[in-house]
C-alpha atoms as a PDB file:
ATOM      1  CA  MET A   1      91.076 195.685 -72.895  1.00  0.00           C
ATOM      2  CA  LYS A   2      93.715 195.521 -75.606  1.00  0.00           C
ATOM      3  CA  THR A   3      97.271 194.554 -74.642  1.00  0.00           C
ATOM      4  CA  MET A   4     100.553 194.615 -76.500  1.00  0.00           C
ATOM      5  CA  ALA A   5     102.448 191.362 -76.985  1.00  0.00           C
ATOM      6  CA  GLY A   6     105.133 191.100 -74.329  1.00  0.00           C
ATOM      7  CA  ALA A   7     103.374 193.500 -71.968  1.00  0.00           C
ATOM      8  CA  TYR A   8     103.164 190.834 -69.272  1.00  0.00           C
ATOM      9  CA  LEU A   9     105.817 188.660 -67.680  1.00  0.00           C
ATOM     10  CA  ASP A  10     105.109 184.970 -67.480  1.00  0.00           C
ATOM     11  CA  HIS A  11     107.023 181.719 -67.132  1.00  0.00           C
ATOM     12  CA  LEU A  12     108.563 181.263 -63.652  1.00  0.00           C
ATOM     13  CA  LEU A  13     107.746 184.751 -62.445  1.00  0.00           C
ATOM     14  CA  GLU A  14     104.007 184.155 -62.656  1.00  0.00           C
ATOM     15  CA  CYS A  15     102.780 181.852 -59.905  1.00  0.00           C
ATOM     16  CA  PRO A  16     101.271 178.728 -61.511  1.00  0.00           C
ATOM     17  CA  PHE A  17      99.101 178.238 -58.421  1.00  0.00           C
ATOM     18  CA  CYS A  18      97.391 181.642 -58.063  1.00  0.00           C
ATOM     19  CA  GLY A  19      98.422 183.520 -61.246  1.00  0.00           C
ATOM     20  CA  THR A  20      99.980 186.582 -59.605  1.00  0.00           C
ATOM     21  CA  ILE A  21     103.482 187.985 -60.000  1.00  0.00           C
ATOM     22  CA  ARG A  22     104.342 188.876 -56.412  1.00  0.00           C
ATOM     23  CA  LEU A  23     107.600 187.440 -55.186  1.00  0.00           C
ATOM     24  CA  GLN A  24     108.715 187.045 -51.585  1.00  0.00           C
ATOM     25  CA  ILE A  25     112.459 187.722 -51.913  1.00  0.00           C
ATOM     26  CA  PRO A  26     114.682 187.937 -48.809  1.00  0.00           C
ATOM     27  CA  ALA A  27     117.005 190.967 -48.676  1.00  0.00           C
ATOM     28  CA  ASP A  28     120.020 188.632 -48.478  1.00  0.00           C
ATOM     29  CA  ALA A  29     118.901 186.266 -51.280  1.00  0.00           C
ATOM     30  CA  GLN A  30     121.657 184.087 -52.708  1.00  0.00           C
ATOM     31  CA  PRO A  31     121.440 182.202 -56.047  1.00  0.00           C
ATOM     32  CA  SER A  32     120.204 179.052 -54.264  1.00  0.00           C
ATOM     33  CA  THR A  33     117.647 180.849 -52.041  1.00  0.00           C
ATOM     34  CA  PRO A  34     114.113 179.470 -52.570  1.00  0.00           C
ATOM     35  CA  ILE A  35     111.665 182.174 -53.649  1.00  0.00           C
ATOM     36  CA  ARG A  36     107.979 181.950 -52.786  1.00  0.00           C
ATOM     37  CA  CYS A  37     104.841 183.615 -54.074  1.00  0.00           C
ATOM     38  CA  ALA A  38     103.945 186.479 -51.725  1.00  0.00           C
ATOM     39  CA  ASP A  39     100.223 185.795 -52.208  1.00  0.00           C
ATOM     40  CA  CYS A  40      99.851 182.018 -51.776  1.00  0.00           C
ATOM     41  CA  GLY A  41     103.270 181.003 -50.395  1.00  0.00           C
ATOM     42  CA  GLN A  42     104.047 178.354 -53.032  1.00  0.00           C
ATOM     43  CA  ASN A  43     107.679 177.773 -54.021  1.00  0.00           C
ATOM     44  CA  LEU A  44     108.496 179.329 -57.423  1.00  0.00           C
ATOM     45  CA  GLY A  45     112.127 178.240 -57.723  1.00  0.00           C
ATOM     46  CA  THR A  46     115.510 179.562 -56.701  1.00  0.00           C
ATOM     47  CA  TRP A  47     116.564 183.196 -56.930  1.00  0.00           C
ATOM     48  CA  ASP A  48     118.956 182.211 -59.728  1.00  0.00           C
ATOM     49  CA  ASP A  49     116.155 180.433 -61.652  1.00  0.00           C
ATOM     50  CA  LEU A  50     113.899 183.479 -61.432  1.00  0.00           C
ATOM     51  CA  GLN A  51     116.593 185.974 -62.433  1.00  0.00           C
ATOM     52  CA  THR A  52     117.526 183.783 -65.414  1.00  0.00           C
ATOM     53  CA  ASP A  53     113.869 183.582 -66.455  1.00  0.00           C
ATOM     54  CA  PHE A  54     113.462 187.366 -66.103  1.00  0.00           C
ATOM     55  CA  GLU A  55     116.519 187.955 -68.299  1.00  0.00           C
ATOM     56  CA  SER A  56     115.233 185.516 -70.926  1.00  0.00           C
ATOM     57  CA  GLN A  57     112.065 187.645 -71.207  1.00  0.00           C
ATOM     58  CA  GLY A  58     113.971 190.820 -72.038  1.00  0.00           C
ATOM     59  CA  GLY A  59     115.421 191.527 -68.615  1.00  0.00           C
ATOM     60  CA  ASN A  60     116.313 195.144 -68.029  1.00  0.00           C
ATOM     61  CA  ASP A  61     116.226 195.779 -71.792  1.00  0.00           C
ATOM     62  CA  GLY A  62     112.507 194.949 -72.031  1.00  0.00           C
ATOM     63  CA  ILE A  63     109.494 196.748 -70.597  1.00  0.00           C
ATOM     64  CA  PHE A  64     110.267 195.643 -67.029  1.00  0.00           C
ATOM     65  CA  ARG A  65     113.204 196.222 -64.702  1.00  0.00           C
ATOM     66  CA  LEU A  66     114.195 194.015 -61.774  1.00  0.00           C
ATOM     67  CA  ASP A  67     115.562 196.265 -59.039  1.00  0.00           C
ATOM     68  CA  LYS A  68     116.306 195.023 -55.503  1.00  0.00           C
ATOM     69  CA  GLY A  69     113.805 192.199 -55.877  1.00  0.00           C
ATOM     70  CA  ARG A  70     111.032 194.401 -57.268  1.00  0.00           C
ATOM     71  CA  ILE A  71     109.715 194.143 -60.815  1.00  0.00           C
ATOM     72  CA  LEU A  72     108.962 197.597 -62.187  1.00  0.00           C
ATOM     73  CA  LYS A  73     107.126 198.301 -65.444  1.00  0.00           C
ATOM     74  CA  LEU A  74     108.969 200.876 -67.536  1.00  0.00           C
ATOM     75  CA  ASP A  75     107.040 203.629 -69.293  1.00  0.00           C
END
């Protein structure tokens, strides 16, 4: 399978324990709210840390959009 550079998010958004990008984000998340991996439950950082990391990887101007705690791949 051939992939384009930048087609995958990494850094804080990818769980270093299980390798997935599935975040457990409370509906009322504040900047200091701890965010966990939805698959293995490990702590990934604060909501502010993860949003900052997402933005540093292109944010909503890249190939992904963060909307209400969901990461969507843009076509």
